[in-house]
Amino acid sequence: MKKTIIGVMGPGETATSVDLENAYQLGQLIAKQGWILLTGGRNIGVMEAASQGAKSAEGLTLGILPGATSLGMSEAVDIAIFTNLGNARNIINVLSSDVIIACGMGAGTASEIALGIKQQKTVILLNNNLESQVFFKSLSPDRVYIVETPTEAIETVIYC
């Protein structure tokens, strides 16, 4: 039976302390559900925080990395997929995820959300950026959900 894969996408260098706290909690909650966490696999920002959160709850982590080596990879990644595709790996992140949770906002995150909408994935926005919420919700009112907490994000995954 296929395991559920939850992609947590978010900024690296520009992640806020709130983004990092939310990502860590998301990782924990995803692991507690028995789901697999998918991130961009790097040792920075939301990717690192979500992976560390999942590992703290004994979860399984999957990292889709931009390069061809483990340079810059999170130590909390169990399964590493080396793409050597740079930002083009975002489509792999999206296609490999059953649901996408965007934690925070940045250019790379926005591209993953847009790809998720294009691929008709369920996308959950966990951020306080009202402009992005309005924009992405307008593109897919039935598939984009806006939440305020990691717990609400997980409840939305279960509901969908």
C-alpha atoms as a PDB file:
ATOM      1  CA  MET A   1       0.000   0.000   0.000  1.00  0.00           C
ATOM      2  CA  LYS A   2       1.305   3.428  -0.965  1.00  0.00           C
ATOM      3  CA  LYS A   3       2.306   5.684   1.920  1.00  0.00           C
ATOM      4  CA  THR A   4       0.963   9.242   2.021  1.00  0.00           C
ATOM      5  CA  ILE A   5       3.637  11.805   1.144  1.00  0.00           C
ATOM      6  CA  ILE A   6       3.208  15.342   2.433  1.00  0.00           C
ATOM      7  CA  GLY A   7       5.374  17.984   0.798  1.00  0.00           C
ATOM      8  CA  VAL A   8       6.319  20.868   3.059  1.00  0.00           C
ATOM      9  CA  MET A   9       7.585  23.756   0.984  1.00  0.00           C
ATOM     10  CA  GLY A  10       8.951  27.026   2.259  1.00  0.00           C
ATOM     11  CA  PRO A  11      11.781  29.515   2.164  1.00  0.00           C
ATOM     12  CA  GLY A  12      15.367  28.657   2.948  1.00  0.00           C
ATOM     13  CA  GLU A  13      17.491  31.677   3.792  1.00  0.00           C
ATOM     14  CA  THR A  14      14.530  34.044   4.232  1.00  0.00           C
ATOM     15  CA  ALA A  15      12.451  31.838   6.545  1.00  0.00           C
ATOM     16  CA  THR A  16      11.170  33.691   9.591  1.00  0.00           C
ATOM     17  CA  SER A  17      11.254  32.360  13.144  1.00  0.00           C
ATOM     18  CA  VAL A  18       7.486  31.726  12.855  1.00  0.00           C
ATOM     19  CA  ASP A  19       8.041  29.780   9.605  1.00  0.00           C
ATOM     20  CA  LEU A  20      10.697  27.653  11.314  1.00  0.00           C
ATOM     21  CA  GLU A  21       8.555  26.947  14.369  1.00  0.00           C
ATOM     22  CA  ASN A  22       5.562  26.030  12.193  1.00  0.00           C
ATOM     23  CA  ALA A  23       7.719  23.812   9.945  1.00  0.00           C
ATOM     24  CA  TYR A  24       9.158  21.944  12.927  1.00  0.00           C
ATOM     25  CA  GLN A  25       5.659  21.307  14.302  1.00  0.00           C
ATOM     26  CA  LEU A  26       4.438  20.235  10.839  1.00  0.00           C
ATOM     27  CA  GLY A  27       7.265  17.714  10.615  1.00  0.00           C
ATOM     28  CA  GLN A  28       6.340  16.283  14.001  1.00  0.00           C
ATOM     29  CA  LEU A  29       2.636  16.089  13.194  1.00  0.00           C
ATOM     30  CA  ILE A  30       3.252  14.501   9.783  1.00  0.00           C
ATOM     31  CA  ALA A  31       5.430  11.838  11.411  1.00  0.00           C
ATOM     32  CA  LYS A  32       2.843  11.166  14.111  1.00  0.00           C
ATOM     33  CA  GLN A  33       0.277  10.479  11.380  1.00  0.00           C
ATOM     34  CA  GLY A  34       2.615   7.874   9.882  1.00  0.00           C
ATOM     35  CA  TRP A  35       3.017   9.917   6.703  1.00  0.00           C
ATOM     36  CA  ILE A  36       6.270  10.557   4.842  1.00  0.00           C
ATOM     37  CA  LEU A  37       7.646  14.108   4.876  1.00  0.00           C
ATOM     38  CA  LEU A  38       9.015  15.435   1.583  1.00  0.00           C
ATOM     39  CA  THR A  39      11.101  18.615   1.473  1.00  0.00           C
ATOM     40  CA  GLY A  40      13.756  20.202  -0.702  1.00  0.00           C
ATOM     41  CA  GLY A  41      16.230  18.362   1.528  1.00  0.00           C
ATOM     42  CA  ARG A  42      18.601  21.215   2.332  1.00  0.00           C
ATOM     43  CA  ASN A  43      20.001  22.073   5.761  1.00  0.00           C
ATOM     44  CA  ILE A  44      18.428  25.510   5.888  1.00  0.00           C
ATOM     45  CA  GLY A  45      15.097  27.179   6.569  1.00  0.00           C
ATOM     46  CA  VAL A  46      11.768  25.395   6.388  1.00  0.00           C
ATOM     47  CA  MET A  47      13.361  22.300   4.813  1.00  0.00           C
ATOM     48  CA  GLU A  48      15.667  21.773   7.781  1.00  0.00           C
ATOM     49  CA  ALA A  49      13.070  22.632  10.431  1.00  0.00           C
ATOM     50  CA  ALA A  50      10.412  20.295   9.003  1.00  0.00           C
ATOM     51  CA  SER A  51      12.916  17.459   8.600  1.00  0.00           C
ATOM     52  CA  GLN A  52      14.209  17.898  12.163  1.00  0.00           C
ATOM     53  CA  GLY A  53      10.632  17.956  13.467  1.00  0.00           C
ATOM     54  CA  ALA A  54       9.782  14.720  11.667  1.00  0.00           C
ATOM     55  CA  LYS A  55      12.954  13.026  12.934  1.00  0.00           C
ATOM     56  CA  SER A  56      12.159  14.098  16.518  1.00  0.00           C
ATOM     57  CA  ALA A  57       8.924  12.110  16.173  1.00  0.00           C
ATOM     58  CA  GLU A  58      10.666   9.143  14.502  1.00  0.00           C
ATOM     59  CA  GLY A  59       9.240   9.925  11.073  1.00  0.00           C
ATOM     60  CA  LEU A  60      10.546   9.109   7.610  1.00  0.00           C
ATOM     61  CA  THR A  61      11.988  12.019   5.625  1.00  0.00           C
ATOM     62  CA  LEU A  62      12.557  12.354   1.904  1.00  0.00           C
ATOM     63  CA  GLY A  63      14.709  15.139   0.461  1.00  0.00           C
ATOM     64  CA  ILE A  64      14.612  16.158  -3.208  1.00  0.00           C
ATOM     65  CA  LEU A  65      17.942  17.940  -3.538  1.00  0.00           C
ATOM     66  CA  PRO A  66      18.950  20.519  -6.146  1.00  0.00           C
ATOM     67  CA  GLY A  67      22.480  19.194  -6.669  1.00  0.00           C
ATOM     68  CA  ALA A  68      24.298  15.990  -7.507  1.00  0.00           C
ATOM     69  CA  THR A  69      25.909  15.475  -4.087  1.00  0.00           C
ATOM     70  CA  SER A  70      25.028  15.630  -0.400  1.00  0.00           C
ATOM     71  CA  LEU A  71      26.660  19.052  -0.012  1.00  0.00           C
ATOM     72  CA  GLY A  72      24.217  21.205   1.968  1.00  0.00           C
ATOM     73  CA  MET A  73      21.875  18.314   2.730  1.00  0.00           C
ATOM     74  CA  SER A  74      20.018  18.146   6.038  1.00  0.00           C
ATOM     75  CA  GLU A  75      21.287  15.454   8.391  1.00  0.00           C
ATOM     76  CA  ALA A  76      17.617  14.710   9.104  1.00  0.00           C
ATOM     77  CA  VAL A  77      16.977  13.426   5.561  1.00  0.00           C
ATOM     78  CA  ASP A  78      16.561   9.636   5.445  1.00  0.00           C
ATOM     79  CA  ILE A  79      16.149   9.223   1.702  1.00  0.00           C
ATOM     80  CA  ALA A  80      17.959  11.666  -0.573  1.00  0.00           C
ATOM     81  CA  ILE A  81      17.127  12.082  -4.240  1.00  0.00           C
ATOM     82  CA  PHE A  82      19.910  13.953  -6.021  1.00  0.00           C
ATOM     83  CA  THR A  83      18.503  15.698  -9.087  1.00  0.00           C
ATOM     84  CA  ASN A  84      21.253  18.060 -10.305  1.00  0.00           C
ATOM     85  CA  LEU A  85      18.320  20.189 -11.519  1.00  0.00           C
ATOM     86  CA  GLY A  86      18.615  23.243  -9.277  1.00  0.00           C
ATOM     87  CA  ASN A  87      15.245  24.953  -8.911  1.00  0.00           C
ATOM     88  CA  ALA A  88      13.788  22.788 -11.672  1.00  0.00           C
ATOM     89  CA  ARG A  89      13.493  20.098  -8.998  1.00  0.00           C
ATOM     90  CA  ASN A  90      10.408  21.931  -7.758  1.00  0.00           C
ATOM     91  CA  ILE A  91       8.247  19.976 -10.209  1.00  0.00           C
ATOM     92  CA  ILE A  92       9.574  16.721  -8.719  1.00  0.00           C
ATOM     93  CA  ASN A  93       8.689  17.984  -5.232  1.00  0.00           C
ATOM     94  CA  VAL A  94       5.149  18.724  -6.365  1.00  0.00           C
ATOM     95  CA  LEU A  95       4.530  15.597  -8.453  1.00  0.00           C
ATOM     96  CA  SER A  96       5.864  13.348  -5.677  1.00  0.00           C
ATOM     97  CA  SER A  97       3.640  14.890  -2.975  1.00  0.00           C
ATOM     98  CA  ASP A  98       0.055  13.878  -2.335  1.00  0.00           C
ATOM     99  CA  VAL A  99      -0.602  17.221  -0.620  1.00  0.00           C
ATOM    100  CA  ILE A 100       1.498  20.382  -0.486  1.00  0.00           C
ATOM    101  CA  ILE A 101       1.754  22.517   2.630  1.00  0.00           C
ATOM    102  CA  ALA A 102       3.400  25.876   1.995  1.00  0.00           C
ATOM    103  CA  CYS A 103       4.950  27.134   5.212  1.00  0.00           C
ATOM    104  CA  GLY A 104       6.001  30.734   4.723  1.00  0.00           C
ATOM    105  CA  MET A 105       6.510  32.473   1.393  1.00  0.00           C
ATOM    106  CA  GLY A 106       9.330  33.105  -1.025  1.00  0.00           C
ATOM    107  CA  ALA A 107       9.895  32.956  -4.766  1.00  0.00           C
ATOM    108  CA  GLY A 108      10.692  29.231  -4.763  1.00  0.00           C
ATOM    109  CA  THR A 109       7.703  28.496  -2.548  1.00  0.00           C
ATOM    110  CA  ALA A 110       5.446  30.506  -4.852  1.00  0.00           C
ATOM    111  CA  SER A 111       6.659  28.472  -7.821  1.00  0.00           C
ATOM    112  CA  GLU A 112       5.883  25.218  -5.986  1.00  0.00           C
ATOM    113  CA  ILE A 113       2.404  26.446  -5.062  1.00  0.00           C
ATOM    114  CA  ALA A 114       1.743  27.443  -8.682  1.00  0.00           C
ATOM    115  CA  LEU A 115       2.972  24.056  -9.921  1.00  0.00           C
ATOM    116  CA  GLY A 116       0.778  22.336  -7.332  1.00  0.00           C
ATOM    117  CA  ILE A 117      -2.267  24.254  -8.525  1.00  0.00           C
ATOM    118  CA  LYS A 118      -1.390  23.459 -12.147  1.00  0.00           C
ATOM    119  CA  GLN A 119      -1.152  19.746 -11.237  1.00  0.00           C
ATOM    120  CA  GLN A 120      -4.504  19.909  -9.382  1.00  0.00           C
ATOM    121  CA  LYS A 121      -2.941  19.067  -6.036  1.00  0.00           C
ATOM    122  CA  THR A 122      -4.409  20.119  -2.714  1.00  0.00           C
ATOM    123  CA  VAL A 123      -2.371  23.087  -1.508  1.00  0.00           C
ATOM    124  CA  ILE A 124      -2.472  24.330   2.075  1.00  0.00           C
ATOM    125  CA  LEU A 125      -1.105  27.790   2.842  1.00  0.00           C
ATOM    126  CA  LEU A 126       0.301  28.296   6.335  1.00  0.00           C
ATOM    127  CA  ASN A 127       1.562  31.859   6.225  1.00  0.00           C
ATOM    128  CA  ASN A 128       0.522  35.360   7.150  1.00  0.00           C
ATOM    129  CA  ASN A 129       1.088  36.853   3.691  1.00  0.00           C
ATOM    130  CA  LEU A 130      -2.373  38.100   2.780  1.00  0.00           C
ATOM    131  CA  GLU A 131      -1.427  39.013  -0.796  1.00  0.00           C
ATOM    132  CA  SER A 132      -0.265  35.479  -1.563  1.00  0.00           C
ATOM    133  CA  GLN A 133      -3.316  33.985   0.140  1.00  0.00           C
ATOM    134  CA  VAL A 134      -5.707  36.048  -1.980  1.00  0.00           C
ATOM    135  CA  PHE A 135      -3.751  35.438  -5.187  1.00  0.00           C
ATOM    136  CA  PHE A 136      -3.382  31.658  -4.885  1.00  0.00           C
ATOM    137  CA  LYS A 137      -6.921  31.176  -3.555  1.00  0.00           C
ATOM    138  CA  SER A 138      -8.223  33.080  -6.606  1.00  0.00           C
ATOM    139  CA  LEU A 139      -6.402  30.655  -8.923  1.00  0.00           C
ATOM    140  CA  SER A 140      -7.921  27.557  -7.353  1.00  0.00           C
ATOM    141  CA  PRO A 141     -10.705  28.275  -4.870  1.00  0.00           C
ATOM    142  CA  ASP A 142     -11.550  24.591  -4.441  1.00  0.00           C
ATOM    143  CA  ARG A 143      -8.002  23.234  -3.951  1.00  0.00           C
ATOM    144  CA  VAL A 144      -6.224  25.979  -1.985  1.00  0.00           C
ATOM    145  CA  TYR A 145      -6.844  26.085   1.758  1.00  0.00           C
ATOM    146  CA  ILE A 146      -5.672  28.783   4.146  1.00  0.00           C
ATOM    147  CA  VAL A 147      -4.824  27.749   7.709  1.00  0.00           C
ATOM    148  CA  GLU A 148      -3.366  29.464  10.748  1.00  0.00           C
ATOM    149  CA  THR A 149      -1.666  26.621  12.625  1.00  0.00           C
ATOM    150  CA  PRO A 150       0.214  23.394  11.903  1.00  0.00           C
ATOM    151  CA  THR A 151      -2.571  21.427  13.632  1.00  0.00           C
ATOM    152  CA  GLU A 152      -5.163  23.020  11.366  1.00  0.00           C
ATOM    153  CA  ALA A 153      -2.979  22.120   8.352  1.00  0.00           C
ATOM    154  CA  ILE A 154      -2.946  18.448   9.365  1.00  0.00           C
ATOM    155  CA  GLU A 155      -6.698  18.475  10.015  1.00  0.00           C
ATOM    156  CA  THR A 156      -7.164  19.908   6.507  1.00  0.00           C
ATOM    157  CA  VAL A 157      -5.058  17.093   5.005  1.00  0.00           C
ATOM    158  CA  ILE A 158      -7.250  14.536   6.791  1.00  0.00           C
ATOM    159  CA  TYR A 159     -10.422  16.297   5.647  1.00  0.00           C
ATOM    160  CA  CYS A 160      -9.302  16.460   2.014  1.00  0.00           C
END
